[in-house]
Amino acid sequence: MTGKMAIVGDGDSITVFKAAGVDSFPAENEAKAKEVLRRVAKDYQIIFLTEELARPLSEFLKRFDEEPYPVVLSIPSKNGSTGYGDEMLKSAMERALGVDILFNN
């Protein structure tokens, strides 16, 4: 596993990543996303997951906090940002550093 990246999300949202050479895995709902994440987690260091799928899977995603890899990052989809990715970044930063250095709230 050497720096491999993947994206999981709806077909339209992952197209640009696929064009950039990122391994892309379509998932039309939370159940499919969970299945894909289980399958690819051991082979990728970074997994991008669209916010619409990440929010309902927040409890499931906590299992990835226990290990250094994979890092699962929530990103906006074709519909734009819901703010969930920012929330997750802030939470991870506060856990790691004990302080919020980006958002200052």
PDB file of N, CA and C in Angstrom:
ATOM      1  N   MET A   1       0.855  -1.173   0.000  1.00  0.00           N
ATOM      2  CA  MET A   1       0.000   0.000   0.000  1.00  0.00           C
ATOM      3  C   MET A   1       0.899   1.233   0.000  1.00  0.00           C
ATOM      4  N   THR A   2       1.147   1.782  -1.163  1.00  0.00           N
ATOM      5  CA  THR A   2       2.001   2.955  -1.267  1.00  0.00           C
ATOM      6  C   THR A   2       1.236   4.147  -1.787  1.00  0.00           C
ATOM      7  N   GLY A   3       0.657   4.917  -0.900  1.00  0.00           N
ATOM      8  CA  GLY A   3       0.000   6.153  -1.265  1.00  0.00           C
ATOM      9  C   GLY A   3      -1.173   6.032  -2.207  1.00  0.00           C
ATOM     10  N   LYS A   4      -1.849   4.914  -2.193  1.00  0.00           N
ATOM     11  CA  LYS A   4      -2.988   4.737  -3.077  1.00  0.00           C
ATOM     12  C   LYS A   4      -4.182   5.524  -2.558  1.00  0.00           C
ATOM     13  N   MET A   5      -4.900   6.172  -3.490  1.00  0.00           N
ATOM     14  CA  MET A   5      -6.085   6.945  -3.145  1.00  0.00           C
ATOM     15  C   MET A   5      -7.296   6.401  -3.875  1.00  0.00           C
ATOM     16  N   ALA A   6      -8.446   6.534  -3.209  1.00  0.00           N
ATOM     17  CA  ALA A   6      -9.706   6.105  -3.811  1.00  0.00           C
ATOM     18  C   ALA A   6     -10.776   7.128  -3.462  1.00  0.00           C
ATOM     19  N   ILE A   7     -11.848   7.118  -4.224  1.00  0.00           N
ATOM     20  CA  ILE A   7     -13.018   7.924  -3.912  1.00  0.00           C
ATOM     21  C   ILE A   7     -14.252   7.049  -4.000  1.00  0.00           C
ATOM     22  N   VAL A   8     -15.168   7.275  -3.050  1.00  0.00           N
ATOM     23  CA  VAL A   8     -16.442   6.570  -3.006  1.00  0.00           C
ATOM     24  C   VAL A   8     -17.535   7.629  -3.022  1.00  0.00           C
ATOM     25  N   GLY A   9     -18.461   7.510  -3.953  1.00  0.00           N
ATOM     26  CA  GLY A   9     -19.549   8.483  -4.041  1.00  0.00           C
ATOM     27  C   GLY A   9     -20.431   8.203  -5.237  1.00  0.00           C
ATOM     28  N   ASP A  10     -21.383   9.106  -5.443  1.00  0.00           N
ATOM     29  CA  ASP A  10     -22.277   8.940  -6.587  1.00  0.00           C
ATOM     30  C   ASP A  10     -21.486   9.141  -7.877  1.00  0.00           C
ATOM     31  N   GLY A  11     -21.968   8.577  -8.952  1.00  0.00           N
ATOM     32  CA  GLY A  11     -21.256   8.569 -10.226  1.00  0.00           C
ATOM     33  C   GLY A  11     -20.818   9.930 -10.722  1.00  0.00           C
ATOM     34  N   ASP A  12     -21.691  10.928 -10.649  1.00  0.00           N
ATOM     35  CA  ASP A  12     -21.344  12.258 -11.137  1.00  0.00           C
ATOM     36  C   ASP A  12     -20.262  12.914 -10.294  1.00  0.00           C
ATOM     37  N   SER A  13     -20.278  12.695  -8.991  1.00  0.00           N
ATOM     38  CA  SER A  13     -19.315  13.338  -8.093  1.00  0.00           C
ATOM     39  C   SER A  13     -17.919  12.751  -8.200  1.00  0.00           C
ATOM     40  N   ILE A  14     -17.811  11.512  -8.609  1.00  0.00           N
ATOM     41  CA  ILE A  14     -16.492  10.874  -8.655  1.00  0.00           C
ATOM     42  C   ILE A  14     -15.829  10.956 -10.029  1.00  0.00           C
ATOM     43  N   THR A  15     -16.560  11.450 -11.025  1.00  0.00           N
ATOM     44  CA  THR A  15     -16.046  11.481 -12.394  1.00  0.00           C
ATOM     45  C   THR A  15     -14.740  12.248 -12.517  1.00  0.00           C
ATOM     46  N   VAL A  16     -14.647  13.427 -11.921  1.00  0.00           N
ATOM     47  CA  VAL A  16     -13.437  14.241 -12.049  1.00  0.00           C
ATOM     48  C   VAL A  16     -12.244  13.555 -11.388  1.00  0.00           C
ATOM     49  N   PHE A  17     -12.477  12.851 -10.287  1.00  0.00           N
ATOM     50  CA  PHE A  17     -11.400  12.117  -9.623  1.00  0.00           C
ATOM     51  C   PHE A  17     -10.925  10.968 -10.515  1.00  0.00           C
ATOM     52  N   LYS A  18     -11.874  10.296 -11.129  1.00  0.00           N
ATOM     53  CA  LYS A  18     -11.538   9.197 -12.031  1.00  0.00           C
ATOM     54  C   LYS A  18     -10.688   9.715 -13.186  1.00  0.00           C
ATOM     55  N   ALA A  19     -11.041  10.880 -13.718  1.00  0.00           N
ATOM     56  CA  ALA A  19     -10.274  11.483 -14.812  1.00  0.00           C
ATOM     57  C   ALA A  19      -8.854  11.838 -14.369  1.00  0.00           C
ATOM     58  N   ALA A  20      -8.687  12.114 -13.064  1.00  0.00           N
ATOM     59  CA  ALA A  20      -7.368  12.463 -12.530  1.00  0.00           C
ATOM     60  C   ALA A  20      -6.563  11.227 -12.125  1.00  0.00           C
ATOM     61  N   GLY A  21      -7.118  10.041 -12.348  1.00  0.00           N
ATOM     62  CA  GLY A  21      -6.381   8.821 -12.062  1.00  0.00           C
ATOM     63  C   GLY A  21      -6.614   8.230 -10.687  1.00  0.00           C
ATOM     64  N   VAL A  22      -7.562   8.782  -9.921  1.00  0.00           N
ATOM     65  CA  VAL A  22      -7.892   8.236  -8.604  1.00  0.00           C
ATOM     66  C   VAL A  22      -8.833   7.056  -8.812  1.00  0.00           C
ATOM     67  N   ASP A  23      -8.577   5.951  -8.120  1.00  0.00           N
ATOM     68  CA  ASP A  23      -9.464   4.788  -8.220  1.00  0.00           C
ATOM     69  C   ASP A  23     -10.833   5.179  -7.695  1.00  0.00           C
ATOM     70  N   SER A  24     -11.862   4.965  -8.501  1.00  0.00           N
ATOM     71  CA  SER A  24     -13.210   5.435  -8.183  1.00  0.00           C
ATOM     72  C   SER A  24     -14.164   4.269  -7.993  1.00  0.00           C
ATOM     73  N   PHE A  25     -14.990   4.396  -6.952  1.00  0.00           N
ATOM     74  CA  PHE A  25     -15.955   3.351  -6.628  1.00  0.00           C
ATOM     75  C   PHE A  25     -17.323   3.987  -6.452  1.00  0.00           C
ATOM     76  N   PRO A  26     -18.228   3.757  -7.395  1.00  0.00           N
ATOM     77  CA  PRO A  26     -19.554   4.341  -7.276  1.00  0.00           C
ATOM     78  C   PRO A  26     -20.366   3.675  -6.164  1.00  0.00           C
ATOM     79  N   ALA A  27     -21.119   4.500  -5.452  1.00  0.00           N
ATOM     80  CA  ALA A  27     -22.021   4.008  -4.408  1.00  0.00           C
ATOM     81  C   ALA A  27     -23.235   4.926  -4.392  1.00  0.00           C
ATOM     82  N   GLU A  28     -24.384   4.370  -4.690  1.00  0.00           N
ATOM     83  CA  GLU A  28     -25.597   5.175  -4.795  1.00  0.00           C
ATOM     84  C   GLU A  28     -26.322   5.367  -3.462  1.00  0.00           C
ATOM     85  N   ASN A  29     -25.904   4.606  -2.428  1.00  0.00           N
ATOM     86  CA  ASN A  29     -26.540   4.751  -1.120  1.00  0.00           C
ATOM     87  C   ASN A  29     -25.561   4.348  -0.016  1.00  0.00           C
ATOM     88  N   GLU A  30     -25.997   4.541   1.243  1.00  0.00           N
ATOM     89  CA  GLU A  30     -25.129   4.260   2.389  1.00  0.00           C
ATOM     90  C   GLU A  30     -24.736   2.790   2.481  1.00  0.00           C
ATOM     91  N   ALA A  31     -25.668   1.890   2.202  1.00  0.00           N
ATOM     92  CA  ALA A  31     -25.373   0.458   2.292  1.00  0.00           C
ATOM     93  C   ALA A  31     -24.275   0.064   1.305  1.00  0.00           C
ATOM     94  N   LYS A  32     -24.374   0.558   0.083  1.00  0.00           N
ATOM     95  CA  LYS A  32     -23.363   0.253  -0.932  1.00  0.00           C
ATOM     96  C   LYS A  32     -22.022   0.884  -0.550  1.00  0.00           C
ATOM     97  N   ALA A  33     -22.058   2.110  -0.007  1.00  0.00           N
ATOM     98  CA  ALA A  33     -20.823   2.787   0.408  1.00  0.00           C
ATOM     99  C   ALA A  33     -20.133   2.009   1.522  1.00  0.00           C
ATOM    100  N   LYS A  34     -20.898   1.510   2.464  1.00  0.00           N
ATOM    101  CA  LYS A  34     -20.330   0.722   3.568  1.00  0.00           C
ATOM    102  C   LYS A  34     -19.680  -0.549   3.031  1.00  0.00           C
ATOM    103  N   GLU A  35     -20.343  -1.194   2.107  1.00  0.00           N
ATOM    104  CA  GLU A  35     -19.803  -2.413   1.489  1.00  0.00           C
ATOM    105  C   GLU A  35     -18.488  -2.104   0.758  1.00  0.00           C
ATOM    106  N   VAL A  36     -18.470  -1.031  -0.005  1.00  0.00           N
ATOM    107  CA  VAL A  36     -17.265  -0.642  -0.746  1.00  0.00           C
ATOM    108  C   VAL A  36     -16.139  -0.286   0.224  1.00  0.00           C
ATOM    109  N   LEU A  37     -16.441   0.473   1.260  1.00  0.00           N
ATOM    110  CA  LEU A  37     -15.411   0.861   2.235  1.00  0.00           C
ATOM    111  C   LEU A  37     -14.789  -0.360   2.891  1.00  0.00           C
ATOM    112  N   ARG A  38     -15.601  -1.320   3.274  1.00  0.00           N
ATOM    113  CA  ARG A  38     -15.066  -2.549   3.875  1.00  0.00           C
ATOM    114  C   ARG A  38     -14.105  -3.254   2.920  1.00  0.00           C
ATOM    115  N   ARG A  39     -14.467  -3.264   1.652  1.00  0.00           N
ATOM    116  CA  ARG A  39     -13.677  -3.966   0.648  1.00  0.00           C
ATOM    117  C   ARG A  39     -12.358  -3.258   0.332  1.00  0.00           C
ATOM    118  N   VAL A  40     -12.354  -1.932   0.266  1.00  0.00           N
ATOM    119  CA  VAL A  40     -11.162  -1.216  -0.194  1.00  0.00           C
ATOM    120  C   VAL A  40     -10.280  -0.673   0.933  1.00  0.00           C
ATOM    121  N   ALA A  41     -10.765  -0.718   2.164  1.00  0.00           N
ATOM    122  CA  ALA A  41     -10.034  -0.094   3.280  1.00  0.00           C
ATOM    123  C   ALA A  41      -8.624  -0.639   3.457  1.00  0.00           C
ATOM    124  N   LYS A  42      -8.412  -1.899   3.192  1.00  0.00           N
ATOM    125  CA  LYS A  42      -7.079  -2.476   3.417  1.00  0.00           C
ATOM    126  C   LYS A  42      -6.097  -2.185   2.288  1.00  0.00           C
ATOM    127  N   ASP A  43      -6.603  -1.677   1.155  1.00  0.00           N
ATOM    128  CA  ASP A  43      -5.746  -1.464  -0.006  1.00  0.00           C
ATOM    129  C   ASP A  43      -5.396  -0.003  -0.285  1.00  0.00           C
ATOM    130  N   TYR A  44      -6.034   0.926   0.424  1.00  0.00           N
ATOM    131  CA  TYR A  44      -5.833   2.351   0.132  1.00  0.00           C
ATOM    132  C   TYR A  44      -5.438   3.114   1.393  1.00  0.00           C
ATOM    133  N   GLN A  45      -4.570   4.109   1.223  1.00  0.00           N
ATOM    134  CA  GLN A  45      -4.170   4.940   2.354  1.00  0.00           C
ATOM    135  C   GLN A  45      -5.117   6.108   2.554  1.00  0.00           C
ATOM    136  N   ILE A  46      -5.634   6.655   1.467  1.00  0.00           N
ATOM    137  CA  ILE A  46      -6.565   7.779   1.546  1.00  0.00           C
ATOM    138  C   ILE A  46      -7.820   7.415   0.770  1.00  0.00           C
ATOM    139  N   ILE A  47      -8.963   7.591   1.440  1.00  0.00           N
ATOM    140  CA  ILE A  47     -10.241   7.334   0.795  1.00  0.00           C
ATOM    141  C   ILE A  47     -11.096   8.587   0.947  1.00  0.00           C
ATOM    142  N   PHE A  48     -11.465   9.174  -0.176  1.00  0.00           N
ATOM    143  CA  PHE A  48     -12.385  10.301  -0.177  1.00  0.00           C
ATOM    144  C   PHE A  48     -13.797   9.736  -0.211  1.00  0.00           C
ATOM    145  N   LEU A  49     -14.692  10.343   0.558  1.00  0.00           N
ATOM    146  CA  LEU A  49     -16.078   9.892   0.641  1.00  0.00           C
ATOM    147  C   LEU A  49     -16.969  11.125   0.580  1.00  0.00           C
ATOM    148  N   THR A  50     -17.952  11.131  -0.305  1.00  0.00           N
ATOM    149  CA  THR A  50     -18.804  12.313  -0.418  1.00  0.00           C
ATOM    150  C   THR A  50     -19.610  12.525   0.859  1.00  0.00           C
ATOM    151  N   GLU A  51     -19.866  13.789   1.155  1.00  0.00           N
ATOM    152  CA  GLU A  51     -20.543  14.159   2.409  1.00  0.00           C
ATOM    153  C   GLU A  51     -21.910  13.503   2.565  1.00  0.00           C
ATOM    154  N   GLU A  52     -22.660  13.366   1.473  1.00  0.00           N
ATOM    155  CA  GLU A  52     -23.987  12.751   1.568  1.00  0.00           C
ATOM    156  C   GLU A  52     -23.924  11.313   2.072  1.00  0.00           C
ATOM    157  N   LEU A  53     -22.812  10.633   1.805  1.00  0.00           N
ATOM    158  CA  LEU A  53     -22.646   9.265   2.288  1.00  0.00           C
ATOM    159  C   LEU A  53     -21.938   9.235   3.637  1.00  0.00           C
ATOM    160  N   ALA A  54     -21.047  10.182   3.875  1.00  0.00           N
ATOM    161  CA  ALA A  54     -20.269  10.183   5.117  1.00  0.00           C
ATOM    162  C   ALA A  54     -21.130  10.475   6.340  1.00  0.00           C
ATOM    163  N   ARG A  55     -22.031  11.435   6.248  1.00  0.00           N
ATOM    164  CA  ARG A  55     -22.842  11.807   7.416  1.00  0.00           C
ATOM    165  C   ARG A  55     -23.633  10.618   7.970  1.00  0.00           C
ATOM    166  N   PRO A  56     -24.401   9.897   7.159  1.00  0.00           N
ATOM    167  CA  PRO A  56     -25.142   8.758   7.728  1.00  0.00           C
ATOM    168  C   PRO A  56     -24.250   7.598   8.173  1.00  0.00           C
ATOM    169  N   LEU A  57     -23.004   7.573   7.707  1.00  0.00           N
ATOM    170  CA  LEU A  57     -22.085   6.504   8.082  1.00  0.00           C
ATOM    171  C   LEU A  57     -21.116   6.919   9.183  1.00  0.00           C
ATOM    172  N   SER A  58     -21.401   8.017   9.874  1.00  0.00           N
ATOM    173  CA  SER A  58     -20.448   8.556  10.855  1.00  0.00           C
ATOM    174  C   SER A  58     -20.056   7.538  11.926  1.00  0.00           C
ATOM    175  N   GLU A  59     -20.994   6.757  12.421  1.00  0.00           N
ATOM    176  CA  GLU A  59     -20.658   5.743  13.439  1.00  0.00           C
ATOM    177  C   GLU A  59     -19.775   4.653  12.844  1.00  0.00           C
ATOM    178  N   PHE A  60     -20.091   4.203  11.660  1.00  0.00           N
ATOM    179  CA  PHE A  60     -19.290   3.189  10.971  1.00  0.00           C
ATOM    180  C   PHE A  60     -17.870   3.702  10.717  1.00  0.00           C
ATOM    181  N   LEU A  61     -17.732   4.973  10.351  1.00  0.00           N
ATOM    182  CA  LEU A  61     -16.428   5.549  10.018  1.00  0.00           C
ATOM    183  C   LEU A  61     -15.507   5.683  11.221  1.00  0.00           C
ATOM    184  N   LYS A  62     -16.046   5.656  12.421  1.00  0.00           N
ATOM    185  CA  LYS A  62     -15.216   5.773  13.632  1.00  0.00           C
ATOM    186  C   LYS A  62     -14.210   4.629  13.741  1.00  0.00           C
ATOM    187  N   ARG A  63     -14.508   3.498  13.138  1.00  0.00           N
ATOM    188  CA  ARG A  63     -13.577   2.361  13.195  1.00  0.00           C
ATOM    189  C   ARG A  63     -12.253   2.694  12.526  1.00  0.00           C
ATOM    190  N   PHE A  64     -12.264   3.622  11.588  1.00  0.00           N
ATOM    191  CA  PHE A  64     -11.035   3.997  10.895  1.00  0.00           C
ATOM    192  C   PHE A  64     -10.174   4.951  11.713  1.00  0.00           C
ATOM    193  N   ASP A  65     -10.710   5.491  12.802  1.00  0.00           N
ATOM    194  CA  ASP A  65      -9.937   6.377  13.683  1.00  0.00           C
ATOM    195  C   ASP A  65      -8.914   5.608  14.510  1.00  0.00           C
ATOM    196  N   GLU A  66      -9.084   4.303  14.616  1.00  0.00           N
ATOM    197  CA  GLU A  66      -8.224   3.480  15.454  1.00  0.00           C
ATOM    198  C   GLU A  66      -6.870   3.158  14.819  1.00  0.00           C
ATOM    199  N   GLU A  67      -6.793   3.242  13.517  1.00  0.00           N
ATOM    200  CA  GLU A  67      -5.579   2.889  12.780  1.00  0.00           C
ATOM    201  C   GLU A  67      -5.076   4.097  11.998  1.00  0.00           C
ATOM    202  N   PRO A  68      -3.776   4.122  11.703  1.00  0.00           N
ATOM    203  CA  PRO A  68      -3.264   5.259  10.931  1.00  0.00           C
ATOM    204  C   PRO A  68      -3.801   5.305   9.494  1.00  0.00           C
ATOM    205  N   TYR A  69      -4.086   4.133   8.914  1.00  0.00           N
ATOM    206  CA  TYR A  69      -4.596   4.075   7.547  1.00  0.00           C
ATOM    207  C   TYR A  69      -5.730   3.090   7.462  1.00  0.00           C
ATOM    208  N   PRO A  70      -6.696   3.351   6.637  1.00  0.00           N
ATOM    209  CA  PRO A  70      -6.810   4.461   5.714  1.00  0.00           C
ATOM    210  C   PRO A  70      -7.316   5.719   6.416  1.00  0.00           C
ATOM    211  N   VAL A  71      -7.001   6.846   5.829  1.00  0.00           N
ATOM    212  CA  VAL A  71      -7.566   8.118   6.259  1.00  0.00           C
ATOM    213  C   VAL A  71      -8.792   8.338   5.377  1.00  0.00           C
ATOM    214  N   VAL A  72      -9.958   8.480   6.010  1.00  0.00           N
ATOM    215  CA  VAL A  72     -11.195   8.700   5.256  1.00  0.00           C
ATOM    216  C   VAL A  72     -11.549  10.179   5.378  1.00  0.00           C
ATOM    217  N   LEU A  73     -11.599  10.852   4.239  1.00  0.00           N
ATOM    218  CA  LEU A  73     -11.867  12.282   4.199  1.00  0.00           C
ATOM    219  C   LEU A  73     -13.203  12.550   3.524  1.00  0.00           C
ATOM    220  N   SER A  74     -14.041  13.306   4.187  1.00  0.00           N
ATOM    221  CA  SER A  74     -15.335  13.676   3.644  1.00  0.00           C
ATOM    222  C   SER A  74     -15.174  14.905   2.756  1.00  0.00           C
ATOM    223  N   ILE A  75     -15.695  14.807   1.543  1.00  0.00           N
ATOM    224  CA  ILE A  75     -15.578  15.912   0.595  1.00  0.00           C
ATOM    225  C   ILE A  75     -16.959  16.254   0.031  1.00  0.00           C
ATOM    226  N   PRO A  76     -17.122  17.478  -0.454  1.00  0.00           N
ATOM    227  CA  PRO A  76     -18.404  17.851  -1.079  1.00  0.00           C
ATOM    228  C   PRO A  76     -18.671  17.018  -2.323  1.00  0.00           C
ATOM    229  N   SER A  77     -19.934  16.844  -2.622  1.00  0.00           N
ATOM    230  CA  SER A  77     -20.316  16.126  -3.841  1.00  0.00           C
ATOM    231  C   SER A  77     -20.656  17.147  -4.922  1.00  0.00           C
ATOM    232  N   LYS A  78     -21.225  16.680  -5.996  1.00  0.00           N
ATOM    233  CA  LYS A  78     -21.642  17.567  -7.084  1.00  0.00           C
ATOM    234  C   LYS A  78     -22.698  18.574  -6.608  1.00  0.00           C
ATOM    235  N   ASN A  79     -23.367  18.266  -5.499  1.00  0.00           N
ATOM    236  CA  ASN A  79     -24.406  19.155  -4.965  1.00  0.00           C
ATOM    237  C   ASN A  79     -23.849  20.264  -4.088  1.00  0.00           C
ATOM    238  N   GLY A  80     -22.544  20.270  -3.860  1.00  0.00           N
ATOM    239  CA  GLY A  80     -21.932  21.287  -3.012  1.00  0.00           C
ATOM    240  C   GLY A  80     -21.729  20.780  -1.594  1.00  0.00           C
ATOM    241  N   SER A  81     -21.178  21.630  -0.761  1.00  0.00           N
ATOM    242  CA  SER A  81     -20.839  21.251   0.606  1.00  0.00           C
ATOM    243  C   SER A  81     -22.026  21.407   1.556  1.00  0.00           C
ATOM    244  N   THR A  82     -22.136  20.449   2.462  1.00  0.00           N
ATOM    245  CA  THR A  82     -23.130  20.545   3.527  1.00  0.00           C
ATOM    246  C   THR A  82     -22.482  21.045   4.812  1.00  0.00           C
ATOM    247  N   GLY A  83     -21.160  21.173   4.809  1.00  0.00           N
ATOM    248  CA  GLY A  83     -20.424  21.578   6.001  1.00  0.00           C
ATOM    249  C   GLY A  83     -19.940  20.401   6.832  1.00  0.00           C
ATOM    250  N   TYR A  84     -20.350  19.195   6.475  1.00  0.00           N
ATOM    251  CA  TYR A  84     -19.976  18.022   7.256  1.00  0.00           C
ATOM    252  C   TYR A  84     -18.475  17.757   7.216  1.00  0.00           C
ATOM    253  N   GLY A  85     -17.852  17.951   6.073  1.00  0.00           N
ATOM    254  CA  GLY A  85     -16.405  17.739   5.948  1.00  0.00           C
ATOM    255  C   GLY A  85     -15.640  18.675   6.867  1.00  0.00           C
ATOM    256  N   ASP A  86     -16.073  19.927   6.948  1.00  0.00           N
ATOM    257  CA  ASP A  86     -15.447  20.888   7.856  1.00  0.00           C
ATOM    258  C   ASP A  86     -15.607  20.459   9.316  1.00  0.00           C
ATOM    259  N   GLU A  87     -16.796  19.974   9.656  1.00  0.00           N
ATOM    260  CA  GLU A  87     -17.050  19.500  11.020  1.00  0.00           C
ATOM    261  C   GLU A  87     -16.104  18.367  11.385  1.00  0.00           C
ATOM    262  N   MET A  88     -15.936  17.423  10.457  1.00  0.00           N
ATOM    263  CA  MET A  88     -15.082  16.271  10.717  1.00  0.00           C
ATOM    264  C   MET A  88     -13.614  16.680  10.826  1.00  0.00           C
ATOM    265  N   LEU A  89     -13.175  17.604   9.978  1.00  0.00           N
ATOM    266  CA  LEU A  89     -11.799  18.096  10.037  1.00  0.00           C
ATOM    267  C   LEU A  89     -11.541  18.796  11.363  1.00  0.00           C
ATOM    268  N   LYS A  90     -12.473  19.616  11.787  1.00  0.00           N
ATOM    269  CA  LYS A  90     -12.336  20.323  13.065  1.00  0.00           C
ATOM    270  C   LYS A  90     -12.254  19.336  14.230  1.00  0.00           C
ATOM    271  N   SER A  91     -13.115  18.347  14.213  1.00  0.00           N
ATOM    272  CA  SER A  91     -13.134  17.342  15.279  1.00  0.00           C
ATOM    273  C   SER A  91     -11.820  16.559  15.328  1.00  0.00           C
ATOM    274  N   ALA A  92     -11.324  16.140  14.169  1.00  0.00           N
ATOM    275  CA  ALA A  92     -10.071  15.376  14.116  1.00  0.00           C
ATOM    276  C   ALA A  92      -8.900  16.230  14.586  1.00  0.00           C
ATOM    277  N   MET A  93      -8.907  17.485  14.215  1.00  0.00           N
ATOM    278  CA  MET A  93      -7.833  18.396  14.609  1.00  0.00           C
ATOM    279  C   MET A  93      -7.836  18.614  16.129  1.00  0.00           C
ATOM    280  N   GLU A  94      -9.010  18.794  16.682  1.00  0.00           N
ATOM    281  CA  GLU A  94      -9.095  18.990  18.132  1.00  0.00           C
ATOM    282  C   GLU A  94      -8.664  17.739  18.885  1.00  0.00           C
ATOM    283  N   ARG A  95      -8.996  16.556  18.353  1.00  0.00           N
ATOM    284  CA  ARG A  95      -8.559  15.308  18.978  1.00  0.00           C
ATOM    285  C   ARG A  95      -7.048  15.176  18.925  1.00  0.00           C
ATOM    286  N   ALA A  96      -6.460  15.498  17.785  1.00  0.00           N
ATOM    287  CA  ALA A  96      -5.027  15.316  17.591  1.00  0.00           C
ATOM    288  C   ALA A  96      -4.195  16.379  18.292  1.00  0.00           C
ATOM    289  N   LEU A  97      -4.641  17.628  18.224  1.00  0.00           N
ATOM    290  CA  LEU A  97      -3.828  18.735  18.738  1.00  0.00           C
ATOM    291  C   LEU A  97      -4.328  19.322  20.051  1.00  0.00           C
ATOM    292  N   GLY A  98      -5.583  19.051  20.357  1.00  0.00           N
ATOM    293  CA  GLY A  98      -6.163  19.617  21.565  1.00  0.00           C
ATOM    294  C   GLY A  98      -6.646  21.047  21.399  1.00  0.00           C
ATOM    295  N   VAL A  99      -6.561  21.570  20.182  1.00  0.00           N
ATOM    296  CA  VAL A  99      -6.976  22.951  19.924  1.00  0.00           C
ATOM    297  C   VAL A  99      -7.405  23.079  18.469  1.00  0.00           C
ATOM    298  N   ASP A 100      -8.283  24.014  18.200  1.00  0.00           N
ATOM    299  CA  ASP A 100      -8.742  24.291  16.851  1.00  0.00           C
ATOM    300  C   ASP A 100      -7.886  25.376  16.253  1.00  0.00           C
ATOM    301  N   ILE A 101      -6.978  25.009  15.331  1.00  0.00           N
ATOM    302  CA  ILE A 101      -6.062  26.007  14.768  1.00  0.00           C
ATOM    303  C   ILE A 101      -6.546  26.592  13.437  1.00  0.00           C
ATOM    304  N   LEU A 102      -7.559  26.002  12.820  1.00  0.00           N
ATOM    305  CA  LEU A 102      -8.039  26.506  11.536  1.00  0.00           C
ATOM    306  C   LEU A 102      -9.296  27.339  11.645  1.00  0.00           C
ATOM    307  N   PHE A 103     -10.259  26.866  12.420  1.00  0.00           N
ATOM    308  CA  PHE A 103     -11.566  27.501  12.439  1.00  0.00           C
ATOM    309  C   PHE A 103     -11.707  28.549  13.548  1.00  0.00           C
ATOM    310  N   ASN A 104     -10.887  28.437  14.590  1.00  0.00           N
ATOM    311  CA  ASN A 104     -10.863  29.403  15.696  1.00  0.00           C
ATOM    312  C   ASN A 104     -12.219  29.685  16.304  1.00  0.00           C
ATOM    313  N   ASN A 105     -13.038  28.651  16.473  1.00  0.00           N
ATOM    314  CA  ASN A 105     -14.339  28.806  17.122  1.00  0.00           C
ATOM    315  C   ASN A 105     -14.354  28.083  18.443  1.00  0.00           C
TER     316      ASN A 105
END
